[in-house]
Amino acid sequence: MPRISISSAKPVHRGTLVGFVTVELPDIGFSISDLSIHERHGKRWAQMPSMPVLDGGRRQRSENGKLLYVPIFRFSSPMIREAFVAAIVEAVERETTLLAGDRSCAPNSG
């Protein structure tokens, strides 16, 4: 797994959502913005950014009325996705206060 760091963290508290982060993968010169970080009943996870499903410029909804989204990034296997998500959560725990209940969520200095 490439080295992962968090360059920004923004708190947003809504349901399981605790905020958004920008993830840096410095070894390959790549960053991903707007990953959502979630927490519920002690379980923590990250979701990759996604786009709304559009039809003729209108956002589409599922049969139960929820907005539909499609992923921007895909992994070649569930195992790789799970390892990447776990690494992101570890970086968020290590480098920010996002999952510590601190509403400022600035990346930790040092």
PDB file of N, CA and C in Angstrom:
ATOM      1  N   MET A   1       0.848  -1.178   0.000  1.00  0.00           N
ATOM      2  CA  MET A   1       0.000   0.000   0.000  1.00  0.00           C
ATOM      3  C   MET A   1       0.892   1.239   0.000  1.00  0.00           C
ATOM      4  N   PRO A   2       0.630   2.203  -0.891  1.00  0.00           N
ATOM      5  CA  PRO A   2       1.440   3.424  -0.895  1.00  0.00           C
ATOM      6  C   PRO A   2       1.228   4.239   0.387  1.00  0.00           C
ATOM      7  N   ARG A   3       2.206   5.044   0.707  1.00  0.00           N
ATOM      8  CA  ARG A   3       2.121   5.933   1.857  1.00  0.00           C
ATOM      9  C   ARG A   3       0.949   6.900   1.658  1.00  0.00           C
ATOM     10  N   ILE A   4       0.167   7.136   2.714  1.00  0.00           N
ATOM     11  CA  ILE A   4      -1.007   8.001   2.653  1.00  0.00           C
ATOM     12  C   ILE A   4      -0.901   9.063   3.730  1.00  0.00           C
ATOM     13  N   SER A   5      -1.219  10.309   3.364  1.00  0.00           N
ATOM     14  CA  SER A   5      -1.304  11.380   4.350  1.00  0.00           C
ATOM     15  C   SER A   5      -2.549  12.214   4.057  1.00  0.00           C
ATOM     16  N   ILE A   6      -2.954  12.985   5.048  1.00  0.00           N
ATOM     17  CA  ILE A   6      -4.145  13.821   4.946  1.00  0.00           C
ATOM     18  C   ILE A   6      -3.698  15.272   4.888  1.00  0.00           C
ATOM     19  N   SER A   7      -4.046  15.983   3.801  1.00  0.00           N
ATOM     20  CA  SER A   7      -3.622  17.381   3.675  1.00  0.00           C
ATOM     21  C   SER A   7      -4.684  18.367   4.147  1.00  0.00           C
ATOM     22  N   SER A   8      -5.945  17.935   4.189  1.00  0.00           N
ATOM     23  CA  SER A   8      -6.989  18.804   4.732  1.00  0.00           C
ATOM     24  C   SER A   8      -8.127  17.956   5.264  1.00  0.00           C
ATOM     25  N   ALA A   9      -8.819  18.510   6.252  1.00  0.00           N
ATOM     26  CA  ALA A   9      -9.963  17.834   6.858  1.00  0.00           C
ATOM     27  C   ALA A   9     -11.006  18.884   7.200  1.00  0.00           C
ATOM     28  N   LYS A  10     -12.249  18.616   6.810  1.00  0.00           N
ATOM     29  CA  LYS A  10     -13.341  19.553   7.057  1.00  0.00           C
ATOM     30  C   LYS A  10     -14.471  18.818   7.773  1.00  0.00           C
ATOM     31  N   PRO A  11     -14.838  19.284   8.965  1.00  0.00           N
ATOM     32  CA  PRO A  11     -15.920  18.609   9.690  1.00  0.00           C
ATOM     33  C   PRO A  11     -17.282  18.892   9.063  1.00  0.00           C
ATOM     34  N   VAL A  12     -18.092  17.863   8.957  1.00  0.00           N
ATOM     35  CA  VAL A  12     -19.493  17.963   8.544  1.00  0.00           C
ATOM     36  C   VAL A  12     -20.206  16.863   9.310  1.00  0.00           C
ATOM     37  N   HIS A  13     -21.090  17.211  10.199  1.00  0.00           N
ATOM     38  CA  HIS A  13     -21.756  16.210  11.026  1.00  0.00           C
ATOM     39  C   HIS A  13     -23.208  16.067  10.586  1.00  0.00           C
ATOM     40  N   ARG A  14     -23.467  14.922   9.894  1.00  0.00           N
ATOM     41  CA  ARG A  14     -24.811  14.646   9.382  1.00  0.00           C
ATOM     42  C   ARG A  14     -24.958  13.134   9.274  1.00  0.00           C
ATOM     43  N   GLY A  15     -25.789  12.561  10.106  1.00  0.00           N
ATOM     44  CA  GLY A  15     -25.936  11.107  10.112  1.00  0.00           C
ATOM     45  C   GLY A  15     -24.621  10.458  10.503  1.00  0.00           C
ATOM     46  N   THR A  16     -24.136   9.520   9.689  1.00  0.00           N
ATOM     47  CA  THR A  16     -22.862   8.868   9.967  1.00  0.00           C
ATOM     48  C   THR A  16     -21.661   9.704   9.509  1.00  0.00           C
ATOM     49  N   LEU A  17     -21.918  10.711   8.693  1.00  0.00           N
ATOM     50  CA  LEU A  17     -20.844  11.553   8.140  1.00  0.00           C
ATOM     51  C   LEU A  17     -20.224  12.415   9.223  1.00  0.00           C
ATOM     52  N   VAL A  18     -18.880  12.369   9.331  1.00  0.00           N
ATOM     53  CA  VAL A  18     -18.177  13.248  10.271  1.00  0.00           C
ATOM     54  C   VAL A  18     -17.326  14.284   9.556  1.00  0.00           C
ATOM     55  N   GLY A  19     -17.097  14.111   8.257  1.00  0.00           N
ATOM     56  CA  GLY A  19     -16.348  15.121   7.523  1.00  0.00           C
ATOM     57  C   GLY A  19     -15.793  14.628   6.206  1.00  0.00           C
ATOM     58  N   PHE A  20     -15.053  15.532   5.570  1.00  0.00           N
ATOM     59  CA  PHE A  20     -14.412  15.250   4.291  1.00  0.00           C
ATOM     60  C   PHE A  20     -12.913  15.486   4.416  1.00  0.00           C
ATOM     61  N   VAL A  21     -12.131  14.701   3.707  1.00  0.00           N
ATOM     62  CA  VAL A  21     -10.675  14.858   3.728  1.00  0.00           C
ATOM     63  C   VAL A  21     -10.122  14.858   2.309  1.00  0.00           C
ATOM     64  N   THR A  22      -8.930  15.430   2.195  1.00  0.00           N
ATOM     65  CA  THR A  22      -8.134  15.296   0.989  1.00  0.00           C
ATOM     66  C   THR A  22      -6.980  14.370   1.335  1.00  0.00           C
ATOM     67  N   VAL A  23      -6.849  13.305   0.568  1.00  0.00           N
ATOM     68  CA  VAL A  23      -5.829  12.281   0.787  1.00  0.00           C
ATOM     69  C   VAL A  23      -4.699  12.492  -0.202  1.00  0.00           C
ATOM     70  N   GLU A  24      -3.486  12.468   0.300  1.00  0.00           N
ATOM     71  CA  GLU A  24      -2.286  12.588  -0.539  1.00  0.00           C
ATOM     72  C   GLU A  24      -1.579  11.241  -0.590  1.00  0.00           C
ATOM     73  N   LEU A  25      -1.168  10.843  -1.789  1.00  0.00           N
ATOM     74  CA  LEU A  25      -0.328   9.665  -1.987  1.00  0.00           C
ATOM     75  C   LEU A  25       0.989  10.181  -2.568  1.00  0.00           C
ATOM     76  N   PRO A  26       1.877  10.679  -1.699  1.00  0.00           N
ATOM     77  CA  PRO A  26       3.077  11.382  -2.167  1.00  0.00           C
ATOM     78  C   PRO A  26       4.024  10.519  -2.987  1.00  0.00           C
ATOM     79  N   ASP A  27       4.048   9.211  -2.766  1.00  0.00           N
ATOM     80  CA  ASP A  27       4.971   8.349  -3.510  1.00  0.00           C
ATOM     81  C   ASP A  27       4.643   8.284  -4.992  1.00  0.00           C
ATOM     82  N   ILE A  28       3.371   8.543  -5.335  1.00  0.00           N
ATOM     83  CA  ILE A  28       2.990   8.497  -6.752  1.00  0.00           C
ATOM     84  C   ILE A  28       2.496   9.848  -7.251  1.00  0.00           C
ATOM     85  N   GLY A  29       2.573  10.884  -6.406  1.00  0.00           N
ATOM     86  CA  GLY A  29       2.190  12.231  -6.821  1.00  0.00           C
ATOM     87  C   GLY A  29       0.714  12.362  -7.136  1.00  0.00           C
ATOM     88  N   PHE A  30      -0.133  11.789  -6.286  1.00  0.00           N
ATOM     89  CA  PHE A  30      -1.567  11.739  -6.553  1.00  0.00           C
ATOM     90  C   PHE A  30      -2.318  12.180  -5.311  1.00  0.00           C
ATOM     91  N   SER A  31      -3.404  12.934  -5.512  1.00  0.00           N
ATOM     92  CA  SER A  31      -4.257  13.296  -4.382  1.00  0.00           C
ATOM     93  C   SER A  31      -5.715  13.072  -4.763  1.00  0.00           C
ATOM     94  N   ILE A  32      -6.531  12.810  -3.749  1.00  0.00           N
ATOM     95  CA  ILE A  32      -7.960  12.590  -3.928  1.00  0.00           C
ATOM     96  C   ILE A  32      -8.678  13.525  -2.969  1.00  0.00           C
ATOM     97  N   SER A  33      -9.529  14.380  -3.511  1.00  0.00           N
ATOM     98  CA  SER A  33     -10.293  15.323  -2.699  1.00  0.00           C
ATOM     99  C   SER A  33     -11.672  14.766  -2.397  1.00  0.00           C
ATOM    100  N   ASP A  34     -12.239  15.269  -1.327  1.00  0.00           N
ATOM    101  CA  ASP A  34     -13.640  15.001  -0.970  1.00  0.00           C
ATOM    102  C   ASP A  34     -13.968  13.554  -0.646  1.00  0.00           C
ATOM    103  N   LEU A  35     -13.038  12.849  -0.012  1.00  0.00           N
ATOM    104  CA  LEU A  35     -13.391  11.539   0.533  1.00  0.00           C
ATOM    105  C   LEU A  35     -14.215  11.788   1.781  1.00  0.00           C
ATOM    106  N   SER A  36     -15.328  11.103   1.910  1.00  0.00           N
ATOM    107  CA  SER A  36     -16.153  11.282   3.099  1.00  0.00           C
ATOM    108  C   SER A  36     -15.738  10.272   4.159  1.00  0.00           C
ATOM    109  N   ILE A  37     -15.730  10.729   5.403  1.00  0.00           N
ATOM    110  CA  ILE A  37     -15.357   9.896   6.546  1.00  0.00           C
ATOM    111  C   ILE A  37     -16.603   9.711   7.399  1.00  0.00           C
ATOM    112  N   HIS A  38     -16.860   8.449   7.773  1.00  0.00           N
ATOM    113  CA  HIS A  38     -18.080   8.102   8.497  1.00  0.00           C
ATOM    114  C   HIS A  38     -17.751   7.334   9.770  1.00  0.00           C
ATOM    115  N   GLU A  39     -18.692   7.422  10.720  1.00  0.00           N
ATOM    116  CA  GLU A  39     -18.549   6.665  11.964  1.00  0.00           C
ATOM    117  C   GLU A  39     -19.935   6.330  12.494  1.00  0.00           C
ATOM    118  N   ARG A  40     -20.099   5.059  12.916  1.00  0.00           N
ATOM    119  CA  ARG A  40     -21.366   4.629  13.520  1.00  0.00           C
ATOM    120  C   ARG A  40     -21.094   3.424  14.410  1.00  0.00           C
ATOM    121  N   HIS A  41     -21.556   3.507  15.643  1.00  0.00           N
ATOM    122  CA  HIS A  41     -21.428   2.400  16.601  1.00  0.00           C
ATOM    123  C   HIS A  41     -19.986   1.887  16.690  1.00  0.00           C
ATOM    124  N   GLY A  42     -19.014   2.822  16.694  1.00  0.00           N
ATOM    125  CA  GLY A  42     -17.616   2.454  16.824  1.00  0.00           C
ATOM    126  C   GLY A  42     -16.949   2.001  15.537  1.00  0.00           C
ATOM    127  N   LYS A  43     -17.699   1.860  14.456  1.00  0.00           N
ATOM    128  CA  LYS A  43     -17.123   1.459  13.163  1.00  0.00           C
ATOM    129  C   LYS A  43     -16.840   2.722  12.358  1.00  0.00           C
ATOM    130  N   ARG A  44     -15.658   2.761  11.750  1.00  0.00           N
ATOM    131  CA  ARG A  44     -15.230   3.922  10.965  1.00  0.00           C
ATOM    132  C   ARG A  44     -14.915   3.483   9.545  1.00  0.00           C
ATOM    133  N   TRP A  45     -15.282   4.320   8.584  1.00  0.00           N
ATOM    134  CA  TRP A  45     -14.982   3.989   7.195  1.00  0.00           C
ATOM    135  C   TRP A  45     -14.879   5.257   6.360  1.00  0.00           C
ATOM    136  N   ALA A  46     -14.281   5.101   5.184  1.00  0.00           N
ATOM    137  CA  ALA A  46     -14.139   6.188   4.219  1.00  0.00           C
ATOM    138  C   ALA A  46     -14.864   5.782   2.944  1.00  0.00           C
ATOM    139  N   GLN A  47     -15.449   6.765   2.286  1.00  0.00           N
ATOM    140  CA  GLN A  47     -16.074   6.522   0.994  1.00  0.00           C
ATOM    141  C   GLN A  47     -15.400   7.399  -0.040  1.00  0.00           C
ATOM    142  N   MET A  48     -15.080   6.785  -1.159  1.00  0.00           N
ATOM    143  CA  MET A  48     -14.469   7.519  -2.255  1.00  0.00           C
ATOM    144  C   MET A  48     -15.485   8.514  -2.818  1.00  0.00           C
ATOM    145  N   PRO A  49     -15.010   9.607  -3.436  1.00  0.00           N
ATOM    146  CA  PRO A  49     -15.945  10.559  -4.026  1.00  0.00           C
ATOM    147  C   PRO A  49     -16.759   9.900  -5.144  1.00  0.00           C
ATOM    148  N   SER A  50     -17.952  10.422  -5.355  1.00  0.00           N
ATOM    149  CA  SER A  50     -18.822   9.891  -6.401  1.00  0.00           C
ATOM    150  C   SER A  50     -19.530  11.045  -7.099  1.00  0.00           C
ATOM    151  N   MET A  51     -20.200  10.707  -8.191  1.00  0.00           N
ATOM    152  CA  MET A  51     -20.938  11.713  -8.973  1.00  0.00           C
ATOM    153  C   MET A  51     -22.414  11.326  -9.023  1.00  0.00           C
ATOM    154  N   PRO A  52     -23.295  12.321  -9.088  1.00  0.00           N
ATOM    155  CA  PRO A  52     -24.714  11.993  -9.214  1.00  0.00           C
ATOM    156  C   PRO A  52     -25.014  11.391 -10.589  1.00  0.00           C
ATOM    157  N   VAL A  53     -25.990  10.499 -10.627  1.00  0.00           N
ATOM    158  CA  VAL A  53     -26.451   9.933 -11.893  1.00  0.00           C
ATOM    159  C   VAL A  53     -27.393  10.956 -12.521  1.00  0.00           C
ATOM    160  N   LEU A  54     -27.101  11.331 -13.759  1.00  0.00           N
ATOM    161  CA  LEU A  54     -27.899  12.328 -14.461  1.00  0.00           C
ATOM    162  C   LEU A  54     -28.570  11.719 -15.678  1.00  0.00           C
ATOM    163  N   ASP A  55     -29.742  12.213 -15.991  1.00  0.00           N
ATOM    164  CA  ASP A  55     -30.453  11.834 -17.209  1.00  0.00           C
ATOM    165  C   ASP A  55     -31.058  13.111 -17.761  1.00  0.00           C
ATOM    166  N   GLY A  56     -30.530  13.575 -18.878  1.00  0.00           N
ATOM    167  CA  GLY A  56     -31.010  14.835 -19.439  1.00  0.00           C
ATOM    168  C   GLY A  56     -30.766  16.013 -18.517  1.00  0.00           C
ATOM    169  N   GLY A  57     -29.684  15.960 -17.750  1.00  0.00           N
ATOM    170  CA  GLY A  57     -29.342  17.045 -16.837  1.00  0.00           C
ATOM    171  C   GLY A  57     -30.065  16.995 -15.506  1.00  0.00           C
ATOM    172  N   ARG A  58     -30.950  16.040 -15.318  1.00  0.00           N
ATOM    173  CA  ARG A  58     -31.695  15.913 -14.058  1.00  0.00           C
ATOM    174  C   ARG A  58     -31.119  14.787 -13.218  1.00  0.00           C
ATOM    175  N   ARG A  59     -31.017  15.021 -11.921  1.00  0.00           N
ATOM    176  CA  ARG A  59     -30.509  13.995 -11.000  1.00  0.00           C
ATOM    177  C   ARG A  59     -31.536  12.882 -10.876  1.00  0.00           C
ATOM    178  N   GLN A  60     -31.058  11.660 -10.959  1.00  0.00           N
ATOM    179  CA  GLN A  60     -31.937  10.497 -10.898  1.00  0.00           C
ATOM    180  C   GLN A  60     -32.064   9.975  -9.475  1.00  0.00           C
ATOM    181  N   ARG A  61     -33.208   9.380  -9.195  1.00  0.00           N
ATOM    182  CA  ARG A  61     -33.491   8.822  -7.881  1.00  0.00           C
ATOM    183  C   ARG A  61     -33.827   7.342  -8.006  1.00  0.00           C
ATOM    184  N   SER A  62     -33.571   6.613  -6.920  1.00  0.00           N
ATOM    185  CA  SER A  62     -33.921   5.200  -6.865  1.00  0.00           C
ATOM    186  C   SER A  62     -35.427   5.069  -6.661  1.00  0.00           C
ATOM    187  N   GLU A  63     -35.904   3.846  -6.649  1.00  0.00           N
ATOM    188  CA  GLU A  63     -37.332   3.603  -6.440  1.00  0.00           C
ATOM    189  C   GLU A  63     -37.820   4.113  -5.085  1.00  0.00           C
ATOM    190  N   ASN A  64     -36.904   4.141  -4.093  1.00  0.00           N
ATOM    191  CA  ASN A  64     -37.313   4.635  -2.769  1.00  0.00           C
ATOM    192  C   ASN A  64     -37.039   6.128  -2.585  1.00  0.00           C
ATOM    193  N   GLY A  65     -36.669   6.820  -3.661  1.00  0.00           N
ATOM    194  CA  GLY A  65     -36.523   8.271  -3.624  1.00  0.00           C
ATOM    195  C   GLY A  65     -35.138   8.794  -3.302  1.00  0.00           C
ATOM    196  N   LYS A  66     -34.176   7.909  -3.036  1.00  0.00           N
ATOM    197  CA  LYS A  66     -32.814   8.365  -2.741  1.00  0.00           C
ATOM    198  C   LYS A  66     -32.098   8.757  -4.028  1.00  0.00           C
ATOM    199  N   LEU A  67     -31.271   9.806  -3.926  1.00  0.00           N
ATOM    200  CA  LEU A  67     -30.470  10.209  -5.076  1.00  0.00           C
ATOM    201  C   LEU A  67     -29.480   9.106  -5.426  1.00  0.00           C
ATOM    202  N   LEU A  68     -29.258   8.887  -6.714  1.00  0.00           N
ATOM    203  CA  LEU A  68     -28.334   7.852  -7.181  1.00  0.00           C
ATOM    204  C   LEU A  68     -26.974   8.467  -7.491  1.00  0.00           C
ATOM    205  N   TYR A  69     -25.918   7.723  -7.162  1.00  0.00           N
ATOM    206  CA  TYR A  69     -24.546   8.153  -7.402  1.00  0.00           C
ATOM    207  C   TYR A  69     -23.763   7.018  -8.045  1.00  0.00           C
ATOM    208  N   VAL A  70     -22.735   7.385  -8.819  1.00  0.00           N
ATOM    209  CA  VAL A  70     -21.823   6.394  -9.387  1.00  0.00           C
ATOM    210  C   VAL A  70     -20.418   6.727  -8.903  1.00  0.00           C
ATOM    211  N   PRO A  71     -19.607   5.698  -8.647  1.00  0.00           N
ATOM    212  CA  PRO A  71     -18.241   5.947  -8.171  1.00  0.00           C
ATOM    213  C   PRO A  71     -17.366   6.574  -9.258  1.00  0.00           C
ATOM    214  N   ILE A  72     -16.429   7.398  -8.825  1.00  0.00           N
ATOM    215  CA  ILE A  72     -15.456   7.991  -9.739  1.00  0.00           C
ATOM    216  C   ILE A  72     -14.256   7.060  -9.876  1.00  0.00           C
ATOM    217  N   PHE A  73     -13.881   6.402  -8.788  1.00  0.00           N
ATOM    218  CA  PHE A  73     -12.746   5.481  -8.765  1.00  0.00           C
ATOM    219  C   PHE A  73     -13.252   4.073  -8.531  1.00  0.00           C
ATOM    220  N   ARG A  74     -12.594   3.107  -9.134  1.00  0.00           N
ATOM    221  CA  ARG A  74     -12.923   1.699  -8.902  1.00  0.00           C
ATOM    222  C   ARG A  74     -11.638   0.952  -8.569  1.00  0.00           C
ATOM    223  N   PHE A  75     -11.774  -0.053  -7.731  1.00  0.00           N
ATOM    224  CA  PHE A  75     -10.648  -0.902  -7.360  1.00  0.00           C
ATOM    225  C   PHE A  75     -10.774  -2.229  -8.089  1.00  0.00           C
ATOM    226  N   SER A  76      -9.651  -2.879  -8.309  1.00  0.00           N
ATOM    227  CA  SER A  76      -9.661  -4.143  -9.048  1.00  0.00           C
ATOM    228  C   SER A  76     -10.205  -5.299  -8.233  1.00  0.00           C
ATOM    229  N   SER A  77     -10.268  -5.128  -6.899  1.00  0.00           N
ATOM    230  CA  SER A  77     -10.835  -6.188  -6.063  1.00  0.00           C
ATOM    231  C   SER A  77     -11.350  -5.589  -4.759  1.00  0.00           C
ATOM    232  N   PRO A  78     -12.304  -6.265  -4.123  1.00  0.00           N
ATOM    233  CA  PRO A  78     -12.780  -5.803  -2.814  1.00  0.00           C
ATOM    234  C   PRO A  78     -11.662  -5.765  -1.765  1.00  0.00           C
ATOM    235  N   MET A  79     -10.729  -6.703  -1.836  1.00  0.00           N
ATOM    236  CA  MET A  79      -9.629  -6.752  -0.880  1.00  0.00           C
ATOM    237  C   MET A  79      -8.761  -5.492  -0.970  1.00  0.00           C
ATOM    238  N   ILE A  80      -8.467  -5.044  -2.177  1.00  0.00           N
ATOM    239  CA  ILE A  80      -7.666  -3.830  -2.351  1.00  0.00           C
ATOM    240  C   ILE A  80      -8.444  -2.617  -1.854  1.00  0.00           C
ATOM    241  N   ARG A  81      -9.738  -2.537  -2.170  1.00  0.00           N
ATOM    242  CA  ARG A  81     -10.571  -1.430  -1.702  1.00  0.00           C
ATOM    243  C   ARG A  81     -10.586  -1.379  -0.176  1.00  0.00           C
ATOM    244  N   GLU A  82     -10.798  -2.524   0.464  1.00  0.00           N
ATOM    245  CA  GLU A  82     -10.852  -2.571   1.931  1.00  0.00           C
ATOM    246  C   GLU A  82      -9.529  -2.161   2.560  1.00  0.00           C
ATOM    247  N   ALA A  83      -8.413  -2.587   1.975  1.00  0.00           N
ATOM    248  CA  ALA A  83      -7.095  -2.204   2.501  1.00  0.00           C
ATOM    249  C   ALA A  83      -6.865  -0.705   2.345  1.00  0.00           C
ATOM    250  N   PHE A  84      -7.275  -0.143   1.214  1.00  0.00           N
ATOM    251  CA  PHE A  84      -7.113   1.287   0.975  1.00  0.00           C
ATOM    252  C   PHE A  84      -7.966   2.094   1.954  1.00  0.00           C
ATOM    253  N   VAL A  85      -9.217   1.691   2.131  1.00  0.00           N
ATOM    254  CA  VAL A  85     -10.104   2.377   3.069  1.00  0.00           C
ATOM    255  C   VAL A  85      -9.544   2.305   4.488  1.00  0.00           C
ATOM    256  N   ALA A  86      -9.048   1.149   4.896  1.00  0.00           N
ATOM    257  CA  ALA A  86      -8.459   1.001   6.233  1.00  0.00           C
ATOM    258  C   ALA A  86      -7.257   1.929   6.395  1.00  0.00           C
ATOM    259  N   ALA A  87      -6.429   2.047   5.356  1.00  0.00           N
ATOM    260  CA  ALA A  87      -5.257   2.928   5.414  1.00  0.00           C
ATOM    261  C   ALA A  87      -5.677   4.394   5.522  1.00  0.00           C
ATOM    262  N   ILE A  88      -6.752   4.762   4.840  1.00  0.00           N
ATOM    263  CA  ILE A  88      -7.256   6.136   4.939  1.00  0.00           C
ATOM    264  C   ILE A  88      -7.747   6.410   6.356  1.00  0.00           C
ATOM    265  N   VAL A  89      -8.531   5.509   6.910  1.00  0.00           N
ATOM    266  CA  VAL A  89      -9.041   5.700   8.276  1.00  0.00           C
ATOM    267  C   VAL A  89      -7.872   5.810   9.256  1.00  0.00           C
ATOM    268  N   GLU A  90      -6.863   4.979   9.111  1.00  0.00           N
ATOM    269  CA  GLU A  90      -5.676   5.072   9.977  1.00  0.00           C
ATOM    270  C   GLU A  90      -5.016   6.437   9.853  1.00  0.00           C
ATOM    271  N   ALA A  91      -4.882   6.941   8.626  1.00  0.00           N
ATOM    272  CA  ALA A  91      -4.261   8.257   8.420  1.00  0.00           C
ATOM    273  C   ALA A  91      -5.114   9.357   9.036  1.00  0.00           C
ATOM    274  N   VAL A  92      -6.433   9.260   8.899  1.00  0.00           N
ATOM    275  CA  VAL A  92      -7.326  10.253   9.502  1.00  0.00           C
ATOM    276  C   VAL A  92      -7.182  10.234  11.019  1.00  0.00           C
ATOM    277  N   GLU A  93      -7.148   9.054  11.618  1.00  0.00           N
ATOM    278  CA  GLU A  93      -6.986   8.933  13.074  1.00  0.00           C
ATOM    279  C   GLU A  93      -5.630   9.476  13.525  1.00  0.00           C
ATOM    280  N   ARG A  94      -4.594   9.226  12.749  1.00  0.00           N
ATOM    281  CA  ARG A  94      -3.227   9.611  13.106  1.00  0.00           C
ATOM    282  C   ARG A  94      -2.970  11.101  12.884  1.00  0.00           C
ATOM    283  N   GLU A  95      -3.535  11.672  11.812  1.00  0.00           N
ATOM    284  CA  GLU A  95      -3.126  13.009  11.375  1.00  0.00           C
ATOM    285  C   GLU A  95      -4.159  14.106  11.574  1.00  0.00           C
ATOM    286  N   THR A  96      -5.368  13.768  11.988  1.00  0.00           N
ATOM    287  CA  THR A  96      -6.396  14.792  12.199  1.00  0.00           C
ATOM    288  C   THR A  96      -7.114  14.538  13.510  1.00  0.00           C
ATOM    289  N   THR A  97      -7.958  15.480  13.872  1.00  0.00           N
ATOM    290  CA  THR A  97      -8.821  15.313  15.031  1.00  0.00           C
ATOM    291  C   THR A  97     -10.252  15.008  14.603  1.00  0.00           C
ATOM    292  N   LEU A  98     -10.453  14.698  13.339  1.00  0.00           N
ATOM    293  CA  LEU A  98     -11.788  14.482  12.777  1.00  0.00           C
ATOM    294  C   LEU A  98     -12.569  13.415  13.525  1.00  0.00           C
ATOM    295  N   LEU A  99     -11.934  12.330  13.904  1.00  0.00           N
ATOM    296  CA  LEU A  99     -12.622  11.236  14.582  1.00  0.00           C
ATOM    297  C   LEU A  99     -12.477  11.298  16.095  1.00  0.00           C
ATOM    298  N   ALA A 100     -11.972  12.412  16.595  1.00  0.00           N
ATOM    299  CA  ALA A 100     -11.801  12.577  18.040  1.00  0.00           C
ATOM    300  C   ALA A 100     -12.879  13.466  18.635  1.00  0.00           C
ATOM    301  N   GLY A 101     -13.839  13.886  17.819  1.00  0.00           N
ATOM    302  CA  GLY A 101     -14.916  14.729  18.310  1.00  0.00           C
ATOM    303  C   GLY A 101     -14.586  16.206  18.317  1.00  0.00           C
ATOM    304  N   ASP A 102     -13.375  16.586  17.905  1.00  0.00           N
ATOM    305  CA  ASP A 102     -12.969  17.990  17.831  1.00  0.00           C
ATOM    306  C   ASP A 102     -13.564  18.583  16.561  1.00  0.00           C
ATOM    307  N   ARG A 103     -14.331  19.644  16.700  1.00  0.00           N
ATOM    308  CA  ARG A 103     -15.022  20.237  15.551  1.00  0.00           C
ATOM    309  C   ARG A 103     -14.097  21.029  14.632  1.00  0.00           C
ATOM    310  N   SER A 104     -12.860  21.348  15.061  1.00  0.00           N
ATOM    311  CA  SER A 104     -11.963  22.131  14.209  1.00  0.00           C
ATOM    312  C   SER A 104     -11.362  21.284  13.093  1.00  0.00           C
ATOM    313  N   CYS A 105     -11.003  20.060  13.387  1.00  0.00           N
ATOM    314  CA  CYS A 105     -10.538  19.067  12.411  1.00  0.00           C
ATOM    315  C   CYS A 105      -9.312  19.458  11.621  1.00  0.00           C
ATOM    316  N   ALA A 106      -8.534  20.367  12.089  1.00  0.00           N
ATOM    317  CA  ALA A 106      -7.310  20.698  11.363  1.00  0.00           C
ATOM    318  C   ALA A 106      -6.372  19.517  11.379  1.00  0.00           C
ATOM    319  N   PRO A 107      -5.615  19.313  10.261  1.00  0.00           N
ATOM    320  CA  PRO A 107      -4.592  18.267  10.323  1.00  0.00           C
ATOM    321  C   PRO A 107      -3.643  18.539  11.481  1.00  0.00           C
ATOM    322  N   ASN A 108      -3.219  17.473  12.159  1.00  0.00           N
ATOM    323  CA  ASN A 108      -2.287  17.617  13.276  1.00  0.00           C
ATOM    324  C   ASN A 108      -0.980  18.171  12.767  1.00  0.00           C
ATOM    325  N   SER A 109      -0.373  19.064  13.540  1.00  0.00           N
ATOM    326  CA  SER A 109       0.941  19.581  13.151  1.00  0.00           C
ATOM    327  C   SER A 109       2.009  18.700  13.769  1.00  0.00           C
ATOM    328  N   GLY A 110       2.962  18.298  12.909  1.00  0.00           N
ATOM    329  CA  GLY A 110       4.076  17.507  13.379  1.00  0.00           C
ATOM    330  C   GLY A 110       3.716  16.102  13.411  1.00  0.00           C
TER     331      GLY A 110
END
